[in-house]
N, C-alpha and C. Protein backbone atom coordinates (compact mmCIF):
# COMPACT_ATOMS: atom_id res chain seq x y z
N MET A 1 0.58 -1.30 -0.21
CA MET A 1 -0.20 0.01 -0.34
C MET A 1 0.51 1.27 0.12
N ALA A 2 0.41 2.45 -0.83
CA ALA A 2 1.52 3.53 -1.14
C ALA A 2 0.48 4.68 -0.66
N GLY A 3 1.16 6.00 -0.70
CA GLY A 3 0.35 6.76 -0.14
C GLY A 3 0.70 7.52 1.29
N SER A 4 0.11 8.63 1.94
CA SER A 4 0.46 8.89 3.31
C SER A 4 0.20 8.41 4.61
N MET A 5 0.72 8.04 5.42
CA MET A 5 0.22 7.52 6.79
C MET A 5 0.78 8.72 7.72
N LEU A 6 -0.65 8.09 8.35
CA LEU A 6 -0.60 9.23 9.54
C LEU A 6 0.00 8.88 11.38
N VAL A 7 0.27 9.60 12.08
CA VAL A 7 1.14 9.39 13.18
C VAL A 7 0.29 9.89 14.27
N VAL A 8 -0.45 9.25 15.10
CA VAL A 8 -1.07 9.45 15.99
C VAL A 8 -1.08 9.75 17.79
N THR A 9 -1.17 10.25 18.38
CA THR A 9 -0.26 9.64 19.73
C THR A 9 -2.13 9.82 20.36
N LEU A 10 -1.63 8.67 21.06
CA LEU A 10 -3.04 8.28 21.81
C LEU A 10 -2.77 8.13 23.67
N THR A 11 -3.81 8.51 24.36
CA THR A 11 -3.65 7.95 25.26
C THR A 11 -5.33 7.33 26.20
N CYS A 12 -4.69 6.68 27.31
CA CYS A 12 -5.81 5.33 27.37
C CYS A 12 -7.06 6.69 27.59
N SER A 13 -8.24 6.22 27.82
CA SER A 13 -9.42 7.07 28.21
C SER A 13 -10.19 6.74 29.35
N ASP A 14 -9.57 6.01 30.61
CA ASP A 14 -9.47 5.69 31.73
C ASP A 14 -8.38 6.62 32.63
N GLN A 15 -8.95 7.75 33.14
CA GLN A 15 -8.03 8.26 33.75
C GLN A 15 -6.88 8.37 34.68
N ASP A 16 -7.49 6.82 35.42
CA ASP A 16 -6.18 5.80 36.39
C ASP A 16 -5.25 5.13 35.73
N CYS A 17 -5.11 5.62 34.50
CA CYS A 17 -4.24 4.47 34.06
C CYS A 17 -3.70 5.27 32.66
N ASP A 18 -2.35 5.91 33.02
CA ASP A 18 -1.48 6.48 32.00
C ASP A 18 -0.97 5.92 30.56
N HIS A 19 -1.90 4.94 30.36
CA HIS A 19 -1.10 4.62 29.13
C HIS A 19 -0.78 5.28 28.15
N GLU A 20 -0.28 5.34 27.43
CA GLU A 20 0.12 6.22 26.20
C GLU A 20 1.06 5.29 25.25
N VAL A 21 0.39 6.02 23.86
CA VAL A 21 1.45 4.30 22.94
C VAL A 21 1.02 5.99 21.58
N VAL A 22 2.49 6.08 20.11
CA VAL A 22 2.52 6.80 19.55
C VAL A 22 2.31 5.28 18.14
N GLU A 23 0.87 5.55 17.95
CA GLU A 23 1.15 4.70 16.41
C GLU A 23 0.96 5.67 14.64
N ALA A 24 1.41 4.97 14.28
CA ALA A 24 1.22 5.05 12.02
C ALA A 24 0.28 4.36 12.04
N VAL A 25 -0.92 4.78 11.29
CA VAL A 25 -1.51 4.03 10.34
C VAL A 25 -1.99 4.79 8.76
N TRP A 26 -3.28 4.13 8.41
CA TRP A 26 -2.91 4.64 6.87
C TRP A 26 -4.48 5.41 7.32
N ALA A 27 -5.21 4.93 8.23
CA ALA A 27 -6.42 5.76 8.30
C ALA A 27 -6.97 6.51 9.47
N GLN A 28 -7.36 7.71 9.75
CA GLN A 28 -8.80 7.79 10.90
C GLN A 28 -9.07 7.03 11.16
N GLU A 29 -9.57 5.75 10.57
CA GLU A 29 -10.84 5.19 11.24
C GLU A 29 -10.32 3.83 12.17
N GLN A 30 -8.70 3.67 11.54
CA GLN A 30 -7.85 2.51 12.54
C GLN A 30 -8.17 3.00 13.94
N VAL A 31 -7.62 4.68 14.03
CA VAL A 31 -7.43 4.50 15.48
C VAL A 31 -8.98 4.10 16.69
N GLU A 32 -9.91 4.41 15.51
CA GLU A 32 -11.34 4.67 16.12
C GLU A 32 -11.69 2.88 17.35
N LEU A 33 -10.46 1.99 16.64
CA LEU A 33 -10.54 0.44 16.87
C LEU A 33 -9.44 0.32 17.63
N MET A 34 -9.00 1.06 18.74
CA MET A 34 -7.99 1.08 19.01
C MET A 34 -8.02 0.82 20.69
N VAL A 35 -8.03 -0.11 21.89
CA VAL A 35 -7.69 -0.18 22.68
C VAL A 35 -6.48 -0.47 23.68
N CYS A 36 -6.18 0.38 24.90
CA CYS A 36 -5.62 0.24 26.28
C CYS A 36 -4.82 -1.25 26.16
N ASP A 37 -3.48 -1.64 25.69
CA ASP A 37 -2.67 -2.89 26.84
C ASP A 37 -3.11 -3.24 27.09
N GLY A 38 -2.82 -1.87 28.42
CA GLY A 38 -2.95 -2.17 29.64
C GLY A 38 -4.17 -2.44 30.69
N CYS A 39 -5.27 -2.12 30.26
CA CYS A 39 -6.22 -2.01 31.30
C CYS A 39 -8.03 -2.89 30.00
N GLY A 40 -7.63 -2.61 28.54
CA GLY A 40 -8.75 -2.67 27.68
C GLY A 40 -9.75 -1.65 27.54
N CYS A 41 -9.79 -0.76 27.80
CA CYS A 41 -10.21 0.58 26.80
C CYS A 41 -10.41 1.27 26.18
N CYS A 42 -10.98 2.51 26.05
CA CYS A 42 -10.47 2.65 23.95
C CYS A 42 -9.70 3.51 24.57
N LEU A 43 -8.63 3.82 23.39
CA LEU A 43 -7.63 5.09 23.55
C LEU A 43 -8.07 6.09 22.72
N GLN A 44 -7.13 7.27 23.45
CA GLN A 44 -8.92 8.68 22.45
C GLN A 44 -7.10 9.05 22.01
N ALA A 45 -7.31 9.75 21.07
CA ALA A 45 -6.06 10.27 20.12
C ALA A 45 -6.25 12.51 20.75
N VAL A 46 -4.57 12.28 20.80
CA VAL A 46 -4.54 13.56 21.69
C VAL A 46 -3.71 14.28 20.93
N GLY A 47 -2.94 13.82 19.72
CA GLY A 47 -1.90 14.76 18.40
C GLY A 47 -1.96 13.46 17.51
N TYR A 48 -1.85 14.98 15.90
CA TYR A 48 -0.88 14.12 15.41
C TYR A 48 -0.50 14.31 13.87
N ALA A 49 0.02 14.64 13.29
CA ALA A 49 1.04 14.22 12.56
C ALA A 49 1.12 13.50 10.88
N ASP A 50 1.25 14.41 10.06
CA ASP A 50 1.74 13.15 8.81
C ASP A 50 3.14 12.33 8.51
N ALA A 51 3.29 11.53 8.57
CA ALA A 51 4.15 10.35 8.54
C ALA A 51 5.32 11.04 6.56
N VAL A 52 5.99 10.28 6.78
CA VAL A 52 6.42 10.28 5.55
C VAL A 52 5.55 9.43 4.61
N GLU A 53 6.17 9.78 2.94
CA GLU A 53 4.81 9.11 2.04
C GLU A 53 5.76 7.58 2.34
N VAL A 54 4.90 7.27 1.98
CA VAL A 54 5.56 5.75 1.73
C VAL A 54 5.16 5.32 0.28
N ARG A 55 6.89 4.90 -0.79
CA ARG A 55 6.09 4.55 -1.48
C ARG A 55 6.72 3.03 -1.71
N PRO A 56 6.18 1.59 -2.94
CA PRO A 56 6.87 0.78 -3.13
C PRO A 56 7.96 0.57 -3.27
N VAL A 57 8.46 -0.28 -3.43
CA VAL A 57 10.10 -0.68 -3.59
C VAL A 57 10.33 -1.89 -4.35
N ALA A 58 10.90 -1.42 -4.99
CA ALA A 58 11.90 -2.40 -6.42
C ALA A 58 12.50 -3.33 -5.70
N ARG A 59 12.08 -4.12 -6.16
CA ARG A 59 13.85 -5.23 -5.44
C ARG A 59 14.28 -5.42 -7.00
N VAL A 60 16.13 -5.53 -7.24
CA VAL A 60 16.36 -5.46 -8.28
C VAL A 60 17.86 -6.33 -7.95
N PRO A 61 18.02 -7.17 -8.18
CA PRO A 61 18.60 -8.00 -8.24
C PRO A 61 20.31 -7.38 -8.42
N LEU A 62 21.16 -7.85 -7.23
CA LEU A 62 22.21 -7.43 -6.65
C LEU A 62 23.61 -8.60 -7.62
N SER A 63 24.10 -8.05 -8.50
CA SER A 63 25.68 -9.04 -8.70
C SER A 63 25.89 -9.20 -7.65
N LEU A 64 26.95 -10.71 -7.31
CA LEU A 64 27.47 -10.96 -6.33
C LEU A 64 29.05 -11.18 -6.71
N ALA A 65 30.18 -10.81 -5.86
CA ALA A 65 31.02 -9.68 -6.31
C ALA A 65 32.16 -11.27 -6.03
N ALA A 66 32.78 -10.81 -6.92
CA ALA A 66 34.39 -11.87 -7.53
C ALA A 66 35.13 -11.88 -6.51
């Protein structure tokens, strides 16, 4: 998949849990499905940033050195 990715900073929605995570996602809809690894509550997005554009890589065979 090629295109721009979104880097999202997420915190747990439970005020007693201090879990914070940074994830790179393809679409904002993916953020809505994320849950806290610590307690299982929903994660809330608190910051967004654009990631670098991702492009497919072409495999090029390399010759072996003699």
